[in-house]
Amino acid sequence: MKIFFRLVQSLVLLLLLAPCAFAEIDKVIIVSDEWKNYSNKDGSGYYLDTVREIFEK
């Protein structure tokens, strides 16, 4: 019975989140503290470069 409940719960969650997979993202806002070489004030850094690579069109 516990396995059945988990299966139903997973299917409901999948159906609720499915429209998110097809949503169009117009704008992503990133907020972060300044971490040397990860997220610098000038918009450079490993973290910000990675986010830019993922979300730029």
C-alpha atoms as a PDB file:
ATOM      1  CA  MET A   1       0.000   0.000   0.000  1.00  0.00           C
ATOM      2  CA  LYS A   2       2.883   2.364   0.784  1.00  0.00           C
ATOM      3  CA  ILE A   3       4.391   1.808  -2.667  1.00  0.00           C
ATOM      4  CA  PHE A   4       1.040   2.568  -4.320  1.00  0.00           C
ATOM      5  CA  PHE A   5       0.750   5.832  -2.359  1.00  0.00           C
ATOM      6  CA  ARG A   6       4.276   6.846  -3.421  1.00  0.00           C
ATOM      7  CA  LEU A   7       3.463   6.034  -7.044  1.00  0.00           C
ATOM      8  CA  VAL A   8       0.267   8.103  -6.995  1.00  0.00           C
ATOM      9  CA  GLN A   9       2.070  10.940  -5.226  1.00  0.00           C
ATOM     10  CA  SER A  10       4.839  10.910  -7.852  1.00  0.00           C
ATOM     11  CA  LEU A  11       2.373  10.907 -10.731  1.00  0.00           C
ATOM     12  CA  VAL A  12       0.409  13.835  -9.287  1.00  0.00           C
ATOM     13  CA  LEU A  13       3.612  15.798  -8.779  1.00  0.00           C
ATOM     14  CA  LEU A  14       4.708  15.019 -12.335  1.00  0.00           C
ATOM     15  CA  LEU A  15       1.374  16.198 -13.746  1.00  0.00           C
ATOM     16  CA  LEU A  16       1.506  19.406 -11.724  1.00  0.00           C
ATOM     17  CA  LEU A  17       5.061  20.225 -12.795  1.00  0.00           C
ATOM     18  CA  ALA A  18       4.762  19.193 -16.464  1.00  0.00           C
ATOM     19  CA  PRO A  19       3.612  22.639 -17.697  1.00  0.00           C
ATOM     20  CA  CYS A  20       6.738  24.187 -16.167  1.00  0.00           C
ATOM     21  CA  ALA A  21       8.887  22.207 -18.578  1.00  0.00           C
ATOM     22  CA  PHE A  22       7.301  24.020 -21.527  1.00  0.00           C
ATOM     23  CA  ALA A  23       7.207  27.513 -20.004  1.00  0.00           C
ATOM     24  CA  GLU A  24       9.003  30.317 -21.810  1.00  0.00           C
ATOM     25  CA  ILE A  25      11.515  32.126 -19.607  1.00  0.00           C
ATOM     26  CA  ASP A  26      11.733  35.822 -20.461  1.00  0.00           C
ATOM     27  CA  LYS A  27      13.926  37.084 -17.645  1.00  0.00           C
ATOM     28  CA  VAL A  28      16.122  35.533 -14.970  1.00  0.00           C
ATOM     29  CA  ILE A  29      17.191  37.654 -12.002  1.00  0.00           C
ATOM     30  CA  ILE A  30      20.237  36.495 -10.061  1.00  0.00           C
ATOM     31  CA  VAL A  31      21.110  37.942  -6.644  1.00  0.00           C
ATOM     32  CA  SER A  32      24.310  36.994  -4.890  1.00  0.00           C
ATOM     33  CA  ASP A  33      26.898  38.250  -2.450  1.00  0.00           C
ATOM     34  CA  GLU A  34      30.290  39.067  -3.875  1.00  0.00           C
ATOM     35  CA  TRP A  35      32.496  35.972  -3.743  1.00  0.00           C
ATOM     36  CA  LYS A  36      35.970  36.470  -5.147  1.00  0.00           C
ATOM     37  CA  ASN A  37      36.299  34.669  -8.506  1.00  0.00           C
ATOM     38  CA  TYR A  38      32.768  33.220  -8.222  1.00  0.00           C
ATOM     39  CA  SER A  39      30.461  36.259  -8.404  1.00  0.00           C
ATOM     40  CA  ASN A  40      32.189  39.616  -8.749  1.00  0.00           C
ATOM     41  CA  LYS A  41      30.503  43.043  -8.667  1.00  0.00           C
ATOM     42  CA  ASP A  42      31.267  43.600 -12.356  1.00  0.00           C
ATOM     43  CA  GLY A  43      29.216  40.524 -13.360  1.00  0.00           C
ATOM     44  CA  SER A  44      32.187  38.252 -13.958  1.00  0.00           C
ATOM     45  CA  GLY A  45      33.129  35.105 -12.124  1.00  0.00           C
ATOM     46  CA  TYR A  46      32.683  31.355 -12.403  1.00  0.00           C
ATOM     47  CA  TYR A  47      29.161  31.220 -10.941  1.00  0.00           C
ATOM     48  CA  LEU A  48      27.801  34.100 -13.011  1.00  0.00           C
ATOM     49  CA  ASP A  49      29.504  32.841 -16.182  1.00  0.00           C
ATOM     50  CA  THR A  50      27.894  29.433 -15.662  1.00  0.00           C
ATOM     51  CA  VAL A  51      24.440  30.949 -15.141  1.00  0.00           C
ATOM     52  CA  ARG A  52      24.948  33.132 -18.220  1.00  0.00           C
ATOM     53  CA  GLU A  53      25.899  30.099 -20.338  1.00  0.00           C
ATOM     54  CA  ILE A  54      22.775  28.252 -19.239  1.00  0.00           C
ATOM     55  CA  PHE A  55      20.206  31.029 -19.636  1.00  0.00           C
ATOM     56  CA  GLU A  56      21.435  33.224 -22.498  1.00  0.00           C
ATOM     57  CA  LYS A  57      19.625  32.691 -25.752  1.00  0.00           C
END
